[in-house]
């Protein structure tokens, strides 16, 4: 299954199709854990939630041409809501959180357009 990013949400104008991310994608509920100790030594813990919003992270290895296409998508729609359909078939509406987006050259890639591969990490927060 592939990975689809479309923006801006809800009037989708641009769509970018990516290969499945590398192993190690993560999903986390956005919240803060606070622990405090009272004067008598009693430990109190609080979880400050952000309305159940989830933070997601995906790592990709892309051809240079595809990385440049993704970079232009980020420039056009950073700060606007986007729709992501991930490799598991889940649909997410939210915001791209990386600032700046970093593309790193990971090496030569024989047979790929542009002749080299690049890695990028996408951080995303659910709306």
PDB file of N, CA and C in Angstrom:
ATOM      1  N   UNK A   1       0.846  -1.182   0.000  1.00  0.00           N
ATOM      2  CA  UNK A   1       0.000   0.000   0.000  1.00  0.00           C
ATOM      3  C   UNK A   1       0.885   1.237   0.000  1.00  0.00           C
ATOM      4  N   UNK A   2       0.419   2.303  -0.597  1.00  0.00           N
ATOM      5  CA  UNK A   2       1.208   3.519  -0.692  1.00  0.00           C
ATOM      6  C   UNK A   2       0.727   4.563   0.317  1.00  0.00           C
ATOM      7  N   UNK A   3       1.368   5.694   0.300  1.00  0.00           N
ATOM      8  CA  UNK A   3       1.170   6.769   1.256  1.00  0.00           C
ATOM      9  C   UNK A   3       0.764   8.007   0.471  1.00  0.00           C
ATOM     10  N   UNK A   4      -0.375   8.602   0.784  1.00  0.00           N
ATOM     11  CA  UNK A   4      -0.920   9.702   0.003  1.00  0.00           C
ATOM     12  C   UNK A   4      -1.057  10.951   0.868  1.00  0.00           C
ATOM     13  N   UNK A   5      -0.518  12.075   0.393  1.00  0.00           N
ATOM     14  CA  UNK A   5      -0.666  13.356   1.083  1.00  0.00           C
ATOM     15  C   UNK A   5      -1.394  14.296   0.132  1.00  0.00           C
ATOM     16  N   UNK A   6      -2.473  14.937   0.614  1.00  0.00           N
ATOM     17  CA  UNK A   6      -3.246  15.854  -0.212  1.00  0.00           C
ATOM     18  C   UNK A   6      -3.511  17.135   0.561  1.00  0.00           C
ATOM     19  N   UNK A   7      -3.476  18.257  -0.119  1.00  0.00           N
ATOM     20  CA  UNK A   7      -3.687  19.511   0.579  1.00  0.00           C
ATOM     21  C   UNK A   7      -4.211  20.575  -0.354  1.00  0.00           C
ATOM     22  N   UNK A   8      -4.687  21.679   0.127  1.00  0.00           N
ATOM     23  CA  UNK A   8      -5.088  21.887   1.519  1.00  0.00           C
ATOM     24  C   UNK A   8      -6.452  21.245   1.781  1.00  0.00           C
ATOM     25  N   UNK A   9      -6.701  20.914   3.024  1.00  0.00           N
ATOM     26  CA  UNK A   9      -7.959  20.278   3.386  1.00  0.00           C
ATOM     27  C   UNK A   9      -8.979  21.367   3.698  1.00  0.00           C
ATOM     28  N   UNK A  10     -10.212  21.329   3.309  1.00  0.00           N
ATOM     29  CA  UNK A  10     -10.956  20.266   2.653  1.00  0.00           C
ATOM     30  C   UNK A  10     -10.981  20.359   1.127  1.00  0.00           C
ATOM     31  N   UNK A  11     -10.567  21.489   0.556  1.00  0.00           N
ATOM     32  CA  UNK A  11     -10.607  21.607  -0.913  1.00  0.00           C
ATOM     33  C   UNK A  11      -9.269  21.151  -1.486  1.00  0.00           C
ATOM     34  N   UNK A  12      -9.096  19.863  -1.647  1.00  0.00           N
ATOM     35  CA  UNK A  12      -7.833  19.271  -2.051  1.00  0.00           C
ATOM     36  C   UNK A  12      -7.468  19.687  -3.479  1.00  0.00           C
ATOM     37  N   UNK A  13      -6.293  20.325  -3.625  1.00  0.00           N
ATOM     38  CA  UNK A  13      -5.826  20.769  -4.932  1.00  0.00           C
ATOM     39  C   UNK A  13      -4.618  19.987  -5.412  1.00  0.00           C
ATOM     40  N   UNK A  14      -3.782  19.558  -4.482  1.00  0.00           N
ATOM     41  CA  UNK A  14      -2.537  18.873  -4.841  1.00  0.00           C
ATOM     42  C   UNK A  14      -2.442  17.557  -4.085  1.00  0.00           C
ATOM     43  N   UNK A  15      -1.990  16.530  -4.781  1.00  0.00           N
ATOM     44  CA  UNK A  15      -1.817  15.212  -4.177  1.00  0.00           C
ATOM     45  C   UNK A  15      -0.414  14.714  -4.476  1.00  0.00           C
ATOM     46  N   UNK A  16       0.244  14.174  -3.463  1.00  0.00           N
ATOM     47  CA  UNK A  16       1.571  13.581  -3.624  1.00  0.00           C
ATOM     48  C   UNK A  16       1.508  12.142  -3.150  1.00  0.00           C
ATOM     49  N   UNK A  17       1.970  11.241  -3.978  1.00  0.00           N
ATOM     50  CA  UNK A  17       1.978   9.814  -3.667  1.00  0.00           C
ATOM     51  C   UNK A  17       3.401   9.409  -3.313  1.00  0.00           C
ATOM     52  N   UNK A  18       3.581   8.784  -2.142  1.00  0.00           N
ATOM     53  CA  UNK A  18       4.892   8.352  -1.665  1.00  0.00           C
ATOM     54  C   UNK A  18       4.897   6.843  -1.487  1.00  0.00           C
ATOM     55  N   UNK A  19       6.086   6.234  -1.492  1.00  0.00           N
ATOM     56  CA  UNK A  19       6.156   4.807  -1.154  1.00  0.00           C
ATOM     57  C   UNK A  19       5.887   4.620   0.338  1.00  0.00           C
ATOM     58  N   UNK A  20       5.681   3.400   0.753  1.00  0.00           N
ATOM     59  CA  UNK A  20       5.477   3.137   2.177  1.00  0.00           C
ATOM     60  C   UNK A  20       6.689   3.582   2.970  1.00  0.00           C
ATOM     61  N   UNK A  21       6.469   4.100   4.189  1.00  0.00           N
ATOM     62  CA  UNK A  21       7.603   4.541   4.998  1.00  0.00           C
ATOM     63  C   UNK A  21       8.448   3.366   5.471  1.00  0.00           C
ATOM     64  N   UNK A  22       9.677   3.701   5.873  1.00  0.00           N
ATOM     65  CA  UNK A  22      10.553   2.673   6.432  1.00  0.00           C
ATOM     66  C   UNK A  22       9.999   2.231   7.775  1.00  0.00           C
ATOM     67  N   UNK A  23      10.531   1.120   8.306  1.00  0.00           N
ATOM     68  CA  UNK A  23      10.104   0.627   9.612  1.00  0.00           C
ATOM     69  C   UNK A  23      10.371   1.686  10.668  1.00  0.00           C
ATOM     70  N   UNK A  24       9.537   1.715  11.694  1.00  0.00           N
ATOM     71  CA  UNK A  24       9.772   2.608  12.816  1.00  0.00           C
ATOM     72  C   UNK A  24       8.835   3.793  12.855  1.00  0.00           C
ATOM     73  N   UNK A  25       7.717   3.768  12.082  1.00  0.00           N
ATOM     74  CA  UNK A  25       6.775   4.869  12.192  1.00  0.00           C
ATOM     75  C   UNK A  25       6.154   4.829  13.585  1.00  0.00           C
ATOM     76  N   UNK A  26       5.756   5.989  14.102  1.00  0.00           N
ATOM     77  CA  UNK A  26       5.249   6.019  15.474  1.00  0.00           C
ATOM     78  C   UNK A  26       3.976   6.846  15.561  1.00  0.00           C
ATOM     79  N   UNK A  27       3.152   6.484  16.538  1.00  0.00           N
ATOM     80  CA  UNK A  27       1.931   7.213  16.844  1.00  0.00           C
ATOM     81  C   UNK A  27       1.930   7.445  18.341  1.00  0.00           C
ATOM     82  N   UNK A  28       1.615   8.674  18.751  1.00  0.00           N
ATOM     83  CA  UNK A  28       1.588   8.991  20.172  1.00  0.00           C
ATOM     84  C   UNK A  28       0.461   9.968  20.448  1.00  0.00           C
ATOM     85  N   UNK A  29      -0.160   9.834  21.597  1.00  0.00           N
ATOM     86  CA  UNK A  29      -1.178  10.790  22.003  1.00  0.00           C
ATOM     87  C   UNK A  29      -0.450  12.008  22.542  1.00  0.00           C
ATOM     88  N   UNK A  30      -0.804  13.159  22.021  1.00  0.00           N
ATOM     89  CA  UNK A  30      -0.155  14.398  22.469  1.00  0.00           C
ATOM     90  C   UNK A  30      -0.643  14.788  23.841  1.00  0.00           C
ATOM     91  N   UNK A  31       0.186  14.722  24.812  1.00  0.00           N
ATOM     92  CA  UNK A  31      -0.168  15.097  26.164  1.00  0.00           C
ATOM     93  C   UNK A  31       1.074  15.272  26.997  1.00  0.00           C
ATOM     94  N   UNK A  32       0.901  15.808  28.188  1.00  0.00           N
ATOM     95  CA  UNK A  32       2.026  16.048  29.082  1.00  0.00           C
ATOM     96  C   UNK A  32       1.775  15.335  30.401  1.00  0.00           C
ATOM     97  N   UNK A  33       2.791  14.665  30.883  1.00  0.00           N
ATOM     98  CA  UNK A  33       2.729  13.954  32.164  1.00  0.00           C
ATOM     99  C   UNK A  33       3.444  14.806  33.204  1.00  0.00           C
ATOM    100  N   UNK A  34       2.755  15.122  34.301  1.00  0.00           N
ATOM    101  CA  UNK A  34       3.331  15.958  35.356  1.00  0.00           C
ATOM    102  C   UNK A  34       3.266  15.188  36.664  1.00  0.00           C
ATOM    103  N   UNK A  35       4.381  15.132  37.380  1.00  0.00           N
ATOM    104  CA  UNK A  35       4.366  14.514  38.708  1.00  0.00           C
ATOM    105  C   UNK A  35       4.858  15.547  39.724  1.00  0.00           C
ATOM    106  N   UNK A  36       4.158  15.586  40.848  1.00  0.00           N
ATOM    107  CA  UNK A  36       4.505  16.525  41.918  1.00  0.00           C
ATOM    108  C   UNK A  36       4.483  15.790  43.243  1.00  0.00           C
ATOM    109  N   UNK A  37       5.340  16.200  44.135  1.00  0.00           N
ATOM    110  CA  UNK A  37       5.405  15.597  45.461  1.00  0.00           C
ATOM    111  C   UNK A  37       4.974  16.637  46.492  1.00  0.00           C
ATOM    112  N   UNK A  38       4.012  16.267  47.328  1.00  0.00           N
ATOM    113  CA  UNK A  38       3.523  17.160  48.371  1.00  0.00           C
ATOM    114  C   UNK A  38       4.545  17.242  49.507  1.00  0.00           C
ATOM    115  N   UNK A  39       4.349  18.179  50.397  1.00  0.00           N
ATOM    116  CA  UNK A  39       5.289  18.367  51.511  1.00  0.00           C
ATOM    117  C   UNK A  39       5.352  17.146  52.421  1.00  0.00           C
ATOM    118  N   UNK A  40       4.266  16.372  52.487  1.00  0.00           N
ATOM    119  CA  UNK A  40       4.279  15.173  53.327  1.00  0.00           C
ATOM    120  C   UNK A  40       4.844  13.955  52.595  1.00  0.00           C
ATOM    121  N   UNK A  41       5.329  14.139  51.342  1.00  0.00           N
ATOM    122  CA  UNK A  41       5.952  13.059  50.600  1.00  0.00           C
ATOM    123  C   UNK A  41       5.018  12.300  49.669  1.00  0.00           C
ATOM    124  N   UNK A  42       3.733  12.659  49.664  1.00  0.00           N
ATOM    125  CA  UNK A  42       2.771  11.993  48.793  1.00  0.00           C
ATOM    126  C   UNK A  42       3.020  12.405  47.338  1.00  0.00           C
ATOM    127  N   UNK A  43       3.044  11.420  46.456  1.00  0.00           N
ATOM    128  CA  UNK A  43       3.277  11.675  45.038  1.00  0.00           C
ATOM    129  C   UNK A  43       1.945  11.826  44.312  1.00  0.00           C
ATOM    130  N   UNK A  44       1.780  12.922  43.593  1.00  0.00           N
ATOM    131  CA  UNK A  44       0.600  13.169  42.784  1.00  0.00           C
ATOM    132  C   UNK A  44       1.028  13.234  41.318  1.00  0.00           C
ATOM    133  N   UNK A  45       0.236  12.608  40.458  1.00  0.00           N
ATOM    134  CA  UNK A  45       0.539  12.666  39.021  1.00  0.00           C
ATOM    135  C   UNK A  45      -0.681  13.190  38.278  1.00  0.00           C
ATOM    136  N   UNK A  46      -0.397  13.949  37.250  1.00  0.00           N
ATOM    137  CA  UNK A  46      -1.441  14.530  36.409  1.00  0.00           C
ATOM    138  C   UNK A  46      -1.080  14.283  34.958  1.00  0.00           C
ATOM    139  N   UNK A  47      -2.093  14.063  34.151  1.00  0.00           N
ATOM    140  CA  UNK A  47      -1.898  13.969  32.712  1.00  0.00           C
ATOM    141  C   UNK A  47      -2.683  15.113  32.083  1.00  0.00           C
ATOM    142  N   UNK A  48      -1.960  15.997  31.443  1.00  0.00           N
ATOM    143  CA  UNK A  48      -2.574  17.133  30.777  1.00  0.00           C
ATOM    144  C   UNK A  48      -2.749  16.751  29.318  1.00  0.00           C
ATOM    145  N   UNK A  49      -3.995  16.446  28.935  1.00  0.00           N
ATOM    146  CA  UNK A  49      -4.225  15.968  27.568  1.00  0.00           C
ATOM    147  C   UNK A  49      -4.450  17.140  26.631  1.00  0.00           C
ATOM    148  N   UNK A  50      -4.257  16.870  25.372  1.00  0.00           N
ATOM    149  CA  UNK A  50      -4.511  17.865  24.332  1.00  0.00           C
ATOM    150  C   UNK A  50      -5.697  17.407  23.512  1.00  0.00           C
ATOM    151  N   UNK A  51      -6.787  17.120  24.205  1.00  0.00           N
ATOM    152  CA  UNK A  51      -8.034  16.671  23.572  1.00  0.00           C
ATOM    153  C   UNK A  51      -7.851  15.404  22.754  1.00  0.00           C
ATOM    154  N   UNK A  52      -6.928  14.545  23.140  1.00  0.00           N
ATOM    155  CA  UNK A  52      -6.737  13.276  22.461  1.00  0.00           C
ATOM    156  C   UNK A  52      -6.075  13.378  21.103  1.00  0.00           C
ATOM    157  N   UNK A  53      -5.484  14.527  20.786  1.00  0.00           N
ATOM    158  CA  UNK A  53      -4.808  14.678  19.498  1.00  0.00           C
ATOM    159  C   UNK A  53      -3.612  13.743  19.439  1.00  0.00           C
ATOM    160  N   UNK A  54      -3.364  13.210  18.261  1.00  0.00           N
ATOM    161  CA  UNK A  54      -2.253  12.277  18.093  1.00  0.00           C
ATOM    162  C   UNK A  54      -1.137  12.942  17.304  1.00  0.00           C
ATOM    163  N   UNK A  55       0.089  12.566  17.652  1.00  0.00           N
ATOM    164  CA  UNK A  55       1.255  12.993  16.893  1.00  0.00           C
ATOM    165  C   UNK A  55       1.796  11.768  16.181  1.00  0.00           C
ATOM    166  N   UNK A  56       2.132  11.930  14.914  1.00  0.00           N
ATOM    167  CA  UNK A  56       2.616  10.811  14.120  1.00  0.00           C
ATOM    168  C   UNK A  56       3.946  11.176  13.489  1.00  0.00           C
ATOM    169  N   UNK A  57       4.750  10.161  13.235  1.00  0.00           N
ATOM    170  CA  UNK A  57       6.060  10.360  12.610  1.00  0.00           C
ATOM    171  C   UNK A  57       6.320   9.223  11.631  1.00  0.00           C
ATOM    172  N   UNK A  58       6.728   9.606  10.426  1.00  0.00           N
ATOM    173  CA  UNK A  58       7.069   8.627   9.402  1.00  0.00           C
ATOM    174  C   UNK A  58       8.427   8.974   8.809  1.00  0.00           C
ATOM    175  N   UNK A  59       9.245   7.963   8.539  1.00  0.00           N
ATOM    176  CA  UNK A  59      10.548   8.129   7.884  1.00  0.00           C
ATOM    177  C   UNK A  59      10.463   7.536   6.490  1.00  0.00           C
ATOM    178  N   UNK A  60      10.932   8.291   5.504  1.00  0.00           N
ATOM    179  CA  UNK A  60      10.873   7.852   4.114  1.00  0.00           C
ATOM    180  C   UNK A  60      12.259   7.848   3.489  1.00  0.00           C
ATOM    181  N   UNK A  61      12.470   6.925   2.572  1.00  0.00           N
ATOM    182  CA  UNK A  61      13.632   6.951   1.695  1.00  0.00           C
ATOM    183  C   UNK A  61      13.091   7.120   0.278  1.00  0.00           C
ATOM    184  N   UNK A  62      13.465   8.239  -0.360  1.00  0.00           N
ATOM    185  CA  UNK A  62      12.886   8.624  -1.641  1.00  0.00           C
ATOM    186  C   UNK A  62      13.964   8.877  -2.677  1.00  0.00           C
ATOM    187  N   UNK A  63      13.576   8.817  -3.937  1.00  0.00           N
ATOM    188  CA  UNK A  63      14.488   9.241  -4.991  1.00  0.00           C
ATOM    189  C   UNK A  63      14.617  10.761  -4.892  1.00  0.00           C
ATOM    190  N   UNK A  64      15.658  11.292  -5.474  1.00  0.00           N
ATOM    191  CA  UNK A  64      15.895  12.736  -5.396  1.00  0.00           C
ATOM    192  C   UNK A  64      14.728  13.510  -6.014  1.00  0.00           C
ATOM    193  N   UNK A  65      14.223  13.063  -7.154  1.00  0.00           N
ATOM    194  CA  UNK A  65      13.114  13.752  -7.809  1.00  0.00           C
ATOM    195  C   UNK A  65      11.855  13.765  -6.944  1.00  0.00           C
ATOM    196  N   UNK A  66      11.538  12.644  -6.324  1.00  0.00           N
ATOM    197  CA  UNK A  66      10.362  12.559  -5.456  1.00  0.00           C
ATOM    198  C   UNK A  66      10.552  13.438  -4.218  1.00  0.00           C
ATOM    199  N   UNK A  67      11.776  13.500  -3.691  1.00  0.00           N
ATOM    200  CA  UNK A  67      12.064  14.354  -2.538  1.00  0.00           C
ATOM    201  C   UNK A  67      11.865  15.826  -2.892  1.00  0.00           C
ATOM    202  N   UNK A  68      12.264  16.232  -4.084  1.00  0.00           N
ATOM    203  CA  UNK A  68      12.073  17.620  -4.511  1.00  0.00           C
ATOM    204  C   UNK A  68      10.582  17.933  -4.702  1.00  0.00           C
ATOM    205  N   UNK A  69       9.815  16.966  -5.191  1.00  0.00           N
ATOM    206  CA  UNK A  69       8.360  17.131  -5.312  1.00  0.00           C
ATOM    207  C   UNK A  69       7.732  17.319  -3.940  1.00  0.00           C
ATOM    208  N   UNK A  70       8.154  16.508  -2.972  1.00  0.00           N
ATOM    209  CA  UNK A  70       7.636  16.597  -1.612  1.00  0.00           C
ATOM    210  C   UNK A  70       8.021  17.929  -0.975  1.00  0.00           C
ATOM    211  N   UNK A  71       9.216  18.399  -1.231  1.00  0.00           N
ATOM    212  CA  UNK A  71       9.684  19.688  -0.703  1.00  0.00           C
ATOM    213  C   UNK A  71       8.788  20.833  -1.196  1.00  0.00           C
ATOM    214  N   UNK A  72       8.417  20.809  -2.464  1.00  0.00           N
ATOM    215  CA  UNK A  72       7.537  21.838  -3.012  1.00  0.00           C
ATOM    216  C   UNK A  72       6.135  21.754  -2.397  1.00  0.00           C
ATOM    217  N   UNK A  73       5.673  20.536  -2.126  1.00  0.00           N
ATOM    218  CA  UNK A  73       4.381  20.362  -1.446  1.00  0.00           C
ATOM    219  C   UNK A  73       4.441  20.989  -0.058  1.00  0.00           C
ATOM    220  N   UNK A  74       5.533  20.738   0.677  1.00  0.00           N
ATOM    221  CA  UNK A  74       5.694  21.303   2.017  1.00  0.00           C
ATOM    222  C   UNK A  74       5.699  22.834   1.968  1.00  0.00           C
ATOM    223  N   UNK A  75       6.397  23.386   1.005  1.00  0.00           N
ATOM    224  CA  UNK A  75       6.447  24.848   0.872  1.00  0.00           C
ATOM    225  C   UNK A  75       5.056  25.427   0.615  1.00  0.00           C
ATOM    226  N   UNK A  76       4.288  24.764  -0.231  1.00  0.00           N
ATOM    227  CA  UNK A  76       2.976  25.263  -0.613  1.00  0.00           C
ATOM    228  C   UNK A  76       1.943  25.161   0.503  1.00  0.00           C
ATOM    229  N   UNK A  77       1.997  24.100   1.321  1.00  0.00           N
ATOM    230  CA  UNK A  77       0.917  23.837   2.266  1.00  0.00           C
ATOM    231  C   UNK A  77       1.330  23.790   3.727  1.00  0.00           C
ATOM    232  N   UNK A  78       2.523  24.265   4.065  1.00  0.00           N
ATOM    233  CA  UNK A  78       2.915  24.303   5.478  1.00  0.00           C
ATOM    234  C   UNK A  78       2.016  25.298   6.207  1.00  0.00           C
ATOM    235  N   UNK A  79       1.492  24.914   7.350  1.00  0.00           N
ATOM    236  CA  UNK A  79       0.603  25.772   8.126  1.00  0.00           C
ATOM    237  C   UNK A  79      -0.863  25.604   7.764  1.00  0.00           C
ATOM    238  N   UNK A  80      -1.156  24.833   6.724  1.00  0.00           N
ATOM    239  CA  UNK A  80      -2.535  24.557   6.344  1.00  0.00           C
ATOM    240  C   UNK A  80      -2.851  23.099   6.642  1.00  0.00           C
ATOM    241  N   UNK A  81      -4.114  22.803   6.851  1.00  0.00           N
ATOM    242  CA  UNK A  81      -4.528  21.425   7.110  1.00  0.00           C
ATOM    243  C   UNK A  81      -4.328  20.585   5.851  1.00  0.00           C
ATOM    244  N   UNK A  82      -3.846  19.363   6.040  1.00  0.00           N
ATOM    245  CA  UNK A  82      -3.665  18.421   4.942  1.00  0.00           C
ATOM    246  C   UNK A  82      -4.326  17.090   5.315  1.00  0.00           C
ATOM    247  N   UNK A  83      -4.573  16.285   4.306  1.00  0.00           N
ATOM    248  CA  UNK A  83      -5.167  14.953   4.513  1.00  0.00           C
ATOM    249  C   UNK A  83      -4.109  13.921   4.140  1.00  0.00           C
ATOM    250  N   UNK A  84      -3.861  12.990   5.041  1.00  0.00           N
ATOM    251  CA  UNK A  84      -2.899  11.928   4.795  1.00  0.00           C
ATOM    252  C   UNK A  84      -3.618  10.591   4.892  1.00  0.00           C
ATOM    253  N   UNK A  85      -3.441   9.772   3.873  1.00  0.00           N
ATOM    254  CA  UNK A  85      -3.891   8.378   3.911  1.00  0.00           C
ATOM    255  C   UNK A  85      -2.621   7.552   4.001  1.00  0.00           C
ATOM    256  N   UNK A  86      -2.385   6.935   5.166  1.00  0.00           N
ATOM    257  CA  UNK A  86      -1.112   6.243   5.384  1.00  0.00           C
ATOM    258  C   UNK A  86      -1.112   4.835   4.794  1.00  0.00           C
ATOM    259  N   UNK A  87       0.008   4.171   4.927  1.00  0.00           N
ATOM    260  CA  UNK A  87       0.214   2.841   4.352  1.00  0.00           C
ATOM    261  C   UNK A  87      -0.658   1.768   4.999  1.00  0.00           C
ATOM    262  N   UNK A  88      -1.248   2.068   6.158  1.00  0.00           N
ATOM    263  CA  UNK A  88      -2.159   1.129   6.818  1.00  0.00           C
ATOM    264  C   UNK A  88      -3.610   1.361   6.412  1.00  0.00           C
ATOM    265  N   UNK A  89      -3.853   2.398   5.596  1.00  0.00           N
ATOM    266  CA  UNK A  89      -5.204   2.726   5.175  1.00  0.00           C
ATOM    267  C   UNK A  89      -5.917   3.698   6.100  1.00  0.00           C
ATOM    268  N   UNK A  90      -5.238   4.181   7.158  1.00  0.00           N
ATOM    269  CA  UNK A  90      -5.832   5.150   8.075  1.00  0.00           C
ATOM    270  C   UNK A  90      -5.800   6.537   7.441  1.00  0.00           C
ATOM    271  N   UNK A  91      -6.861   7.318   7.669  1.00  0.00           N
ATOM    272  CA  UNK A  91      -6.939   8.682   7.135  1.00  0.00           C
ATOM    273  C   UNK A  91      -6.764   9.658   8.289  1.00  0.00           C
ATOM    274  N   UNK A  92      -5.868  10.623   8.112  1.00  0.00           N
ATOM    275  CA  UNK A  92      -5.553  11.615   9.130  1.00  0.00           C
ATOM    276  C   UNK A  92      -5.741  13.009   8.541  1.00  0.00           C
ATOM    277  N   UNK A  93      -6.343  13.903   9.318  1.00  0.00           N
ATOM    278  CA  UNK A  93      -6.491  15.306   8.943  1.00  0.00           C
ATOM    279  C   UNK A  93      -5.727  16.098  10.000  1.00  0.00           C
ATOM    280  N   UNK A  94      -4.811  16.949   9.555  1.00  0.00           N
ATOM    281  CA  UNK A  94      -4.040  17.708  10.529  1.00  0.00           C
ATOM    282  C   UNK A  94      -2.983  18.573   9.867  1.00  0.00           C
ATOM    283  N   UNK A  95      -1.896  18.806  10.614  1.00  0.00           N
ATOM    284  CA  UNK A  95      -0.878  19.763  10.198  1.00  0.00           C
ATOM    285  C   UNK A  95       0.515  19.128  10.184  1.00  0.00           C
ATOM    286  N   UNK A  96       1.318  19.546   9.217  1.00  0.00           N
ATOM    287  CA  UNK A  96       2.725  19.146   9.169  1.00  0.00           C
ATOM    288  C   UNK A  96       3.466  19.972  10.214  1.00  0.00           C
ATOM    289  N   UNK A  97       4.281  19.327  11.047  1.00  0.00           N
ATOM    290  CA  UNK A  97       4.895  20.012  12.183  1.00  0.00           C
ATOM    291  C   UNK A  97       6.386  20.308  12.016  1.00  0.00           C
ATOM    292  N   UNK A  98       7.059  19.687  11.070  1.00  0.00           N
ATOM    293  CA  UNK A  98       8.494  19.924  10.914  1.00  0.00           C
ATOM    294  C   UNK A  98       8.735  21.373  10.523  1.00  0.00           C
ATOM    295  N   UNK A  99       9.746  21.972  11.116  1.00  0.00           N
ATOM    296  CA  UNK A  99      10.165  23.293  10.679  1.00  0.00           C
ATOM    297  C   UNK A  99      11.616  23.478  11.064  1.00  0.00           C
ATOM    298  N   UNK A 100      12.555  23.397  10.186  1.00  0.00           N
ATOM    299  CA  UNK A 100      12.404  23.149   8.754  1.00  0.00           C
ATOM    300  C   UNK A 100      12.350  21.652   8.462  1.00  0.00           C
ATOM    301  N   UNK A 101      11.915  21.329   7.253  1.00  0.00           N
ATOM    302  CA  UNK A 101      11.958  19.946   6.787  1.00  0.00           C
ATOM    303  C   UNK A 101      13.378  19.677   6.319  1.00  0.00           C
ATOM    304  N   UNK A 102      13.955  18.597   6.779  1.00  0.00           N
ATOM    305  CA  UNK A 102      15.337  18.280   6.424  1.00  0.00           C
ATOM    306  C   UNK A 102      15.383  17.061   5.517  1.00  0.00           C
ATOM    307  N   UNK A 103      16.028  17.247   4.389  1.00  0.00           N
ATOM    308  CA  UNK A 103      16.236  16.164   3.437  1.00  0.00           C
ATOM    309  C   UNK A 103      17.721  15.824   3.478  1.00  0.00           C
ATOM    310  N   UNK A 104      18.039  14.582   3.751  1.00  0.00           N
ATOM    311  CA  UNK A 104      19.438  14.155   3.826  1.00  0.00           C
ATOM    312  C   UNK A 104      19.716  13.148   2.719  1.00  0.00           C
ATOM    313  N   UNK A 105      20.847  13.335   2.056  1.00  0.00           N
ATOM    314  CA  UNK A 105      21.247  12.384   1.022  1.00  0.00           C
ATOM    315  C   UNK A 105      21.766  11.132   1.698  1.00  0.00           C
ATOM    316  N   UNK A 106      21.156   9.999   1.378  1.00  0.00           N
ATOM    317  CA  UNK A 106      21.553   8.758   2.044  1.00  0.00           C
ATOM    318  C   UNK A 106      22.474   7.904   1.182  1.00  0.00           C
ATOM    319  N   UNK A 107      22.662   8.274  -0.064  1.00  0.00           N
ATOM    320  CA  UNK A 107      23.594   7.515  -0.888  1.00  0.00           C
ATOM    321  C   UNK A 107      23.169   7.442  -2.335  1.00  0.00           C
ATOM    322  N   UNK A 108      23.971   6.752  -3.090  1.00  0.00           N
ATOM    323  CA  UNK A 108      23.679   6.548  -4.509  1.00  0.00           C
ATOM    324  C   UNK A 108      22.618   5.460  -4.640  1.00  0.00           C
ATOM    325  N   UNK A 109      21.762   5.625  -5.615  1.00  0.00           N
ATOM    326  CA  UNK A 109      20.698   4.648  -5.829  1.00  0.00           C
ATOM    327  C   UNK A 109      20.646   4.309  -7.305  1.00  0.00           C
ATOM    328  N   UNK A 110      21.277   3.240  -7.662  1.00  0.00           N
ATOM    329  CA  UNK A 110      21.283   2.821  -9.056  1.00  0.00           C
ATOM    330  C   UNK A 110      19.888   2.505  -9.541  1.00  0.00           C
ATOM    331  N   UNK A 111      19.533   3.067 -10.690  1.00  0.00           N
ATOM    332  CA  UNK A 111      18.229   2.800 -11.266  1.00  0.00           C
ATOM    333  C   UNK A 111      17.151   3.777 -10.854  1.00  0.00           C
ATOM    334  N   UNK A 112      17.391   4.601  -9.813  1.00  0.00           N
ATOM    335  CA  UNK A 112      16.396   5.583  -9.400  1.00  0.00           C
ATOM    336  C   UNK A 112      16.585   6.853 -10.214  1.00  0.00           C
ATOM    337  N   UNK A 113      15.495   7.572 -10.511  1.00  0.00           N
ATOM    338  CA  UNK A 113      15.637   8.854 -11.197  1.00  0.00           C
ATOM    339  C   UNK A 113      16.474   9.815 -10.350  1.00  0.00           C
ATOM    340  N   UNK A 114      17.404  10.497 -10.963  1.00  0.00           N
ATOM    341  CA  UNK A 114      18.272  11.414 -10.228  1.00  0.00           C
ATOM    342  C   UNK A 114      19.511  10.739  -9.708  1.00  0.00           C
ATOM    343  N   UNK A 115      19.522   9.406  -9.649  1.00  0.00           N
ATOM    344  CA  UNK A 115      20.708   8.651  -9.275  1.00  0.00           C
ATOM    345  C   UNK A 115      21.091   8.681  -7.811  1.00  0.00           C
ATOM    346  N   UNK A 116      20.285   9.250  -6.932  1.00  0.00           N
ATOM    347  CA  UNK A 116      20.606   9.220  -5.508  1.00  0.00           C
ATOM    348  C   UNK A 116      19.333   9.107  -4.697  1.00  0.00           C
ATOM    349  N   UNK A 117      19.479   8.642  -3.460  1.00  0.00           N
ATOM    350  CA  UNK A 117      18.326   8.516  -2.579  1.00  0.00           C
ATOM    351  C   UNK A 117      18.450   9.521  -1.445  1.00  0.00           C
ATOM    352  N   UNK A 118      17.297   9.957  -0.945  1.00  0.00           N
ATOM    353  CA  UNK A 118      17.253  10.939   0.135  1.00  0.00           C
ATOM    354  C   UNK A 118      16.307  10.427   1.213  1.00  0.00           C
ATOM    355  N   UNK A 119      16.570  10.831   2.437  1.00  0.00           N
ATOM    356  CA  UNK A 119      15.693  10.470   3.547  1.00  0.00           C
ATOM    357  C   UNK A 119      15.040  11.729   4.098  1.00  0.00           C
ATOM    358  N   UNK A 120      13.801  11.583   4.539  1.00  0.00           N
ATOM    359  CA  UNK A 120      13.064  12.685   5.152  1.00  0.00           C
ATOM    360  C   UNK A 120      12.142  12.105   6.218  1.00  0.00           C
ATOM    361  N   UNK A 121      11.962  12.859   7.288  1.00  0.00           N
ATOM    362  CA  UNK A 121      11.042  12.488   8.351  1.00  0.00           C
ATOM    363  C   UNK A 121       9.888  13.469   8.340  1.00  0.00           C
ATOM    364  N   UNK A 122       8.668  12.952   8.399  1.00  0.00           N
ATOM    365  CA  UNK A 122       7.477  13.799   8.452  1.00  0.00           C
ATOM    366  C   UNK A 122       6.881  13.687   9.844  1.00  0.00           C
ATOM    367  N   UNK A 123       6.791  14.821  10.545  1.00  0.00           N
ATOM    368  CA  UNK A 123       6.085  14.913  11.825  1.00  0.00           C
ATOM    369  C   UNK A 123       4.738  15.550  11.553  1.00  0.00           C
ATOM    370  N   UNK A 124       3.688  14.966  12.114  1.00  0.00           N
ATOM    371  CA  UNK A 124       2.325  15.355  11.797  1.00  0.00           C
ATOM    372  C   UNK A 124       1.518  15.369  13.086  1.00  0.00           C
ATOM    373  N   UNK A 125       0.637  16.372  13.236  1.00  0.00           N
ATOM    374  CA  UNK A 125      -0.261  16.419  14.399  1.00  0.00           C
ATOM    375  C   UNK A 125      -1.693  16.466  13.917  1.00  0.00           C
ATOM    376  N   UNK A 126      -2.496  15.573  14.490  1.00  0.00           N
ATOM    377  CA  UNK A 126      -3.904  15.475  14.125  1.00  0.00           C
ATOM    378  C   UNK A 126      -4.635  16.758  14.499  1.00  0.00           C
ATOM    379  N   UNK A 127      -5.592  17.137  13.673  1.00  0.00           N
ATOM    380  CA  UNK A 127      -6.387  18.360  13.877  1.00  0.00           C
ATOM    381  C   UNK A 127      -7.341  18.210  15.029  1.00  0.00           C
TER     382      UNK A 127
END
